[in-house]
Amino acid sequence: MKENVIKKNQYKNNIGKLCIPFSIDYDITNKNVQFLKQYTDFDYIILTKIQYLEELDKNTLTSLNKKRLSSSKAGAISFIKIFDIKNNQIFIEMSCTADVTINETRNIYSGIREFQPISIHKKSYDLGEKSMKKLLNRIK
């Protein structure tokens, strides 16, 4: 936004809610942290993101997530970070993975691979919600 931001002392709308003139990404920049320090009285900010299997760059995954998501038909990884604005450091950072994998087994009599039945088929979007709920429950 650079020069397009108009700085003023009160960043509140007509209802009295705080309006921040930029979107806050999961990987918050130092410039955004400095702005929040200067114009708000926040101590912490909670940042979240969900990455779905279709959007994941498999080269950036941890070895555990690569192993888990390599044969998945649907999946998501949810991330949550609590950032301490006053001290400019991460207080807590956690992630949770959810996936659906359809297993194959080889029929010992015929040698043909058969899919194992799965009772619940979910989309990556549903799994993202599920993994975020798990993270929030852990924090509680």
Foldseek 3Di string as FASTA:
>chain_A
DVPVDDDDQAQADPVGDHDDPDDAALPGDPVVLVVCVVRHPDQKDKHKDKDWPVRDDLVPDDPVVCVVSVQFPTKMKMKMWIAGSVVGGTPDIDMFMDTHHWDWDQDPVPRDIDTDDDPDDDHNVVRRVVRVVVVVVVVD
